[in-house]
Amino acid sequence: MSLKRQPNVPSTSLERFGSSIDRSSVALQLLERIKGALINGELKPGDYLPSETELTQSLGIGKSSVREAIKMLQAVGIVEVRRGQGTMIRREPGDPLVDPMAFGMILARGMTRDVLEFRRMFEPAYTLQAMQNAMPEDHARIRQTIEALEAAIVNGEQTARHDMAFHRAILHATHNPMTIRVGETLIQLIEAALETSMQTLPAVALKDHRAIYAAFQAGDTEAVKSAIEVSSKSWETNLTYID
């Protein structure tokens, strides 16, 4: 895939990347420079990186190192390579092929108490954020998940999928990509515990969902927090802990 830009495509000044870099772990060092430029505002969403050739000549590194760094940025959804134009910093984070944060949380899942403690902190926060940002279609989606869970319980077909749908509907009502990314990882981590609650206490889960949404719909901050706390205690059983 060519990284050569078209003449009318703006590029990023090579000065932003400094002089040549040490040859050890050059791809990682280039990543660090790009990250620093983003943090400092020298690079902005929509900017194009210098071409592969320009980076190679300016920094004194091989093309393979440049390509490796670009592939890493693509993998985490930071850049988009446009054929015939170049490598552009995405205007919004893309869906990462590899999510370092998700892997970090997954590797820590053995410390279940830590995961549950994080959930107790994070779920009320994103629910209140969603309460402020939710649109009519978000409310409709949340209600649909409650109705779907009720129908599944009647038929004895309830699974973690029904529980996760409720939490995802609220999560996505935040309309905040950062919140959604963290929340999606958390939901995946607690899926096994949610499956346990669906098989042992489905009616309690349904009651909890209704209570959370009633407070959510009413815009009652304290009632939302209280309902989530009650719900957490309902499913945090001995089966969910690993010491």
Protein backbone atom coordinates (compact mmCIF):
# COMPACT_ATOMS: atom_id res chain seq x y z
CA MET A 1 0.00 0.00 0.00
CA SER A 2 1.48 3.34 -1.07
CA LEU A 3 1.92 6.01 1.57
CA LYS A 4 2.86 8.72 -0.93
CA ARG A 5 0.60 11.72 -0.50
CA GLN A 6 -1.16 13.59 -3.22
CA PRO A 7 0.19 17.16 -3.67
CA ASN A 8 -3.02 18.73 -2.35
CA VAL A 9 -3.05 16.72 0.88
CA PRO A 10 -1.59 18.66 3.85
CA SER A 11 1.19 16.92 5.75
CA THR A 12 2.65 17.17 9.18
CA SER A 13 5.94 19.04 9.56
CA LEU A 14 8.91 16.77 10.16
CA GLU A 15 10.10 19.21 12.83
CA ARG A 16 7.40 17.82 15.09
CA PHE A 17 9.22 14.50 15.21
CA GLY A 18 12.67 15.90 16.05
CA SER A 19 16.03 14.60 14.84
CA SER A 20 17.18 11.05 14.23
CA ILE A 21 16.41 8.48 16.88
CA ASP A 22 18.37 5.62 18.39
CA ARG A 23 18.08 2.38 16.45
CA SER A 24 16.97 0.27 19.41
CA SER A 25 13.19 -0.26 19.40
CA VAL A 26 12.85 2.48 16.80
CA ALA A 27 9.22 1.67 16.05
CA LEU A 28 8.28 2.13 19.71
CA GLN A 29 10.25 5.36 19.92
CA LEU A 30 8.48 6.70 16.85
CA LEU A 31 5.17 5.77 18.46
CA GLU A 32 6.17 7.71 21.58
CA ARG A 33 7.00 10.77 19.48
CA ILE A 34 3.68 10.62 17.69
CA LYS A 35 1.88 10.18 21.04
CA GLY A 36 3.75 13.19 22.44
CA ALA A 37 2.81 15.30 19.42
CA LEU A 38 -0.85 14.36 19.90
CA ILE A 39 -0.77 15.18 23.61
CA ASN A 40 0.93 18.54 22.97
CA GLY A 41 -1.50 19.45 20.21
CA GLU A 42 1.22 19.54 17.56
CA LEU A 43 -0.62 16.72 15.82
CA LYS A 44 -4.38 16.94 15.51
CA PRO A 45 -7.14 14.67 14.21
CA GLY A 46 -7.23 14.91 10.44
CA ASP A 47 -3.51 15.67 10.10
CA TYR A 48 -1.40 13.54 7.79
CA LEU A 49 1.85 12.08 8.99
CA PRO A 50 4.97 12.63 6.88
CA SER A 51 5.38 9.98 4.22
CA GLU A 52 7.26 6.78 4.83
CA THR A 53 10.19 8.10 2.79
CA GLU A 54 10.25 11.43 4.64
CA LEU A 55 10.23 9.75 8.03
CA THR A 56 12.94 7.33 6.94
CA GLN A 57 15.25 10.08 5.68
CA SER A 58 14.59 12.56 8.49
CA LEU A 59 14.89 10.16 11.41
CA GLY A 60 17.56 7.91 10.01
CA ILE A 61 15.57 4.72 10.48
CA GLY A 62 14.60 1.91 8.17
CA LYS A 63 11.32 1.69 6.27
CA SER A 64 10.48 -1.54 8.10
CA SER A 65 10.53 0.35 11.43
CA VAL A 66 8.27 3.06 10.05
CA ARG A 67 5.86 0.46 8.70
CA GLU A 68 5.87 -1.40 12.02
CA ALA A 69 5.00 1.81 13.88
CA ILE A 70 2.19 2.63 11.44
CA LYS A 71 0.78 -0.90 11.79
CA MET A 72 0.79 -0.52 15.57
CA LEU A 73 -1.11 2.76 15.29
CA GLN A 74 -3.59 1.12 12.91
CA ALA A 75 -4.07 -1.80 15.29
CA VAL A 76 -5.18 0.48 18.13
CA GLY A 77 -7.39 2.60 15.87
CA ILE A 78 -5.32 5.81 15.93
CA VAL A 79 -4.48 6.22 12.24
CA GLU A 80 -6.05 5.40 8.93
CA VAL A 81 -3.94 4.63 5.86
CA ARG A 82 -5.55 6.11 2.77
CA ARG A 83 -4.39 4.70 -0.54
CA GLY A 84 -2.67 7.33 -2.65
CA GLN A 85 -2.89 9.97 0.09
CA GLY A 86 -0.99 8.90 3.16
CA THR A 87 -1.46 8.11 6.83
CA MET A 88 -4.02 10.28 8.59
CA ILE A 89 -4.70 10.69 12.31
CA ARG A 90 -8.31 9.57 12.71
CA ARG A 91 -10.84 12.24 13.63
CA GLU A 92 -12.46 9.75 16.01
CA PRO A 93 -10.95 6.59 17.51
CA GLY A 94 -11.55 3.61 15.25
CA ASP A 95 -12.50 0.11 16.34
CA PRO A 96 -9.13 -1.27 17.46
CA LEU A 97 -7.94 -4.60 16.10
CA VAL A 98 -5.92 -4.92 19.30
CA ASP A 99 -7.08 -3.11 22.44
CA PRO A 100 -4.23 -2.89 24.99
CA MET A 101 -6.57 -1.65 27.70
CA ALA A 102 -8.93 -4.57 27.18
CA PHE A 103 -6.08 -7.07 27.32
CA GLY A 104 -4.76 -5.45 30.48
CA MET A 105 -8.14 -5.78 32.18
CA ILE A 106 -8.57 -9.34 30.93
CA LEU A 107 -5.17 -10.35 32.32
CA ALA A 108 -6.24 -8.92 35.69
CA ARG A 109 -9.57 -10.71 35.75
CA GLY A 110 -8.26 -13.24 38.26
CA MET A 111 -8.39 -10.43 40.79
CA THR A 112 -12.18 -10.54 40.69
CA ARG A 113 -12.67 -8.33 43.71
CA ASP A 114 -10.76 -5.56 41.94
CA VAL A 115 -12.97 -5.93 38.87
CA LEU A 116 -16.13 -5.74 40.97
CA GLU A 117 -14.80 -2.75 42.88
CA PHE A 118 -14.11 -1.01 39.58
CA ARG A 119 -17.62 -1.80 38.40
CA ARG A 120 -19.15 -0.33 41.56
CA MET A 121 -17.29 2.89 40.85
CA PHE A 122 -17.71 3.01 37.06
CA GLU A 123 -21.29 1.85 36.48
CA PRO A 124 -22.99 4.65 38.46
CA ALA A 125 -20.75 7.18 36.69
CA TYR A 126 -21.59 6.08 33.16
CA THR A 127 -25.26 5.61 34.03
CA LEU A 128 -25.51 9.21 35.22
CA GLN A 129 -23.64 10.34 32.12
CA ALA A 130 -26.13 8.42 30.00
CA MET A 131 -29.02 9.95 31.94
CA GLN A 132 -27.84 13.38 30.80
CA ASN A 133 -27.11 12.42 27.20
CA ALA A 134 -29.80 9.87 26.36
CA MET A 135 -32.01 10.52 23.35
CA PRO A 136 -35.56 9.19 22.85
CA GLU A 137 -34.27 6.26 20.84
CA ASP A 138 -31.89 5.36 23.67
CA HIS A 139 -34.80 5.23 26.13
CA ALA A 140 -36.70 3.03 23.69
CA ARG A 141 -33.73 0.69 23.38
CA ILE A 142 -33.37 0.39 27.16
CA ARG A 143 -37.07 -0.39 27.57
CA GLN A 144 -36.81 -3.03 24.84
CA THR A 145 -34.04 -4.84 26.73
CA ILE A 146 -36.21 -4.96 29.86
CA GLU A 147 -39.14 -6.34 27.86
CA ALA A 148 -36.87 -8.89 26.18
CA LEU A 149 -35.55 -10.09 29.53
CA GLU A 150 -39.07 -10.44 30.91
CA ALA A 151 -40.16 -12.50 27.89
CA ALA A 152 -37.05 -14.68 28.14
CA ILE A 153 -37.73 -15.39 31.83
CA VAL A 154 -41.32 -16.42 31.06
CA ASN A 155 -39.96 -18.95 28.56
CA GLY A 156 -37.05 -20.03 30.76
CA GLU A 157 -34.58 -18.82 28.11
CA GLN A 158 -32.81 -16.00 29.94
CA THR A 159 -29.03 -15.74 29.51
CA ALA A 160 -26.26 -13.28 30.22
CA ARG A 161 -26.95 -11.83 26.79
CA HIS A 162 -30.22 -10.38 28.06
CA ASP A 163 -28.53 -8.82 31.07
CA MET A 164 -25.64 -7.45 29.02
CA ALA A 165 -28.06 -5.89 26.54
CA PHE A 166 -29.53 -3.72 29.29
CA HIS A 167 -26.14 -2.49 30.47
CA ARG A 168 -24.95 -1.93 26.90
CA ALA A 169 -28.05 0.09 26.06
CA ILE A 170 -27.36 2.44 28.95
CA LEU A 171 -23.64 2.51 28.19
CA HIS A 172 -24.18 3.50 24.55
CA ALA A 173 -26.65 6.18 25.63
CA THR A 174 -23.64 8.10 26.97
CA HIS A 175 -22.66 8.80 23.34
CA ASN A 176 -19.09 9.05 24.61
CA PRO A 177 -16.59 6.84 22.72
CA MET A 178 -14.12 6.73 25.62
CA THR A 179 -16.77 5.71 28.15
CA ILE A 180 -18.18 3.10 25.76
CA ARG A 181 -14.75 1.57 25.12
CA VAL A 182 -14.02 1.09 28.83
CA GLY A 183 -17.57 -0.06 29.55
CA GLU A 184 -17.60 -2.67 26.79
CA THR A 185 -14.46 -4.22 28.21
CA LEU A 186 -15.95 -4.26 31.71
CA ILE A 187 -19.18 -5.88 30.51
CA GLN A 188 -17.19 -8.65 28.84
CA LEU A 189 -15.22 -9.26 32.03
CA ILE A 190 -18.33 -9.69 34.18
CA GLU A 191 -20.24 -11.82 31.64
CA ALA A 192 -19.68 -15.03 33.62
CA ALA A 193 -21.06 -13.45 36.80
CA LEU A 194 -24.04 -12.11 34.87
CA GLU A 195 -24.72 -15.60 33.54
CA THR A 196 -24.77 -16.90 37.10
CA SER A 197 -27.30 -14.28 38.17
CA MET A 198 -29.47 -15.01 35.12
CA GLN A 199 -29.69 -18.68 36.06
CA THR A 200 -30.11 -18.23 39.81
CA LEU A 201 -31.87 -14.88 40.32
CA PRO A 202 -33.47 -13.83 37.02
CA ALA A 203 -36.53 -12.24 38.66
CA VAL A 204 -34.28 -10.18 40.92
CA ALA A 205 -32.25 -9.01 37.92
CA LEU A 206 -35.44 -7.97 36.14
CA LYS A 207 -36.63 -6.09 39.22
CA ASP A 208 -33.25 -4.35 39.47
CA HIS A 209 -33.30 -3.33 35.82
CA ARG A 210 -36.74 -1.83 36.21
CA ALA A 211 -35.68 0.09 39.31
CA ILE A 212 -32.56 1.45 37.63
CA TYR A 213 -34.48 2.54 34.56
CA ALA A 214 -37.29 4.12 36.58
CA ALA A 215 -34.75 6.32 38.36
CA PHE A 216 -32.90 6.91 35.08
CA GLN A 217 -36.09 7.99 33.32
CA ALA A 218 -37.01 10.29 36.20
CA GLY A 219 -33.58 11.92 36.14
CA ASP A 220 -33.13 11.14 39.84
CA THR A 221 -29.40 10.95 40.53
CA GLU A 222 -29.59 9.58 44.05
CA ALA A 223 -32.22 7.01 43.09
CA VAL A 224 -30.01 5.80 40.22
CA LYS A 225 -27.06 5.34 42.56
CA SER A 226 -29.23 3.54 45.11
CA ALA A 227 -30.78 1.21 42.52
CA ILE A 228 -27.37 0.29 41.11
CA GLU A 229 -26.04 -0.41 44.61
CA VAL A 230 -28.97 -2.73 45.32
CA SER A 231 -28.45 -4.47 41.99
CA SER A 232 -24.73 -4.98 42.65
CA LYS A 233 -25.42 -6.64 45.99
CA SER A 234 -27.95 -8.93 44.30
CA TRP A 235 -25.44 -10.64 42.04
CA GLU A 236 -22.13 -10.29 43.90
CA THR A 237 -22.22 -13.75 45.44
CA ASN A 238 -19.49 -16.14 46.58
CA LEU A 239 -19.46 -17.62 43.08
CA THR A 240 -18.15 -14.38 41.59
CA TYR A 241 -15.08 -14.10 43.81
CA ILE A 242 -11.64 -15.56 43.25
CA ASP A 243 -9.28 -15.13 46.18
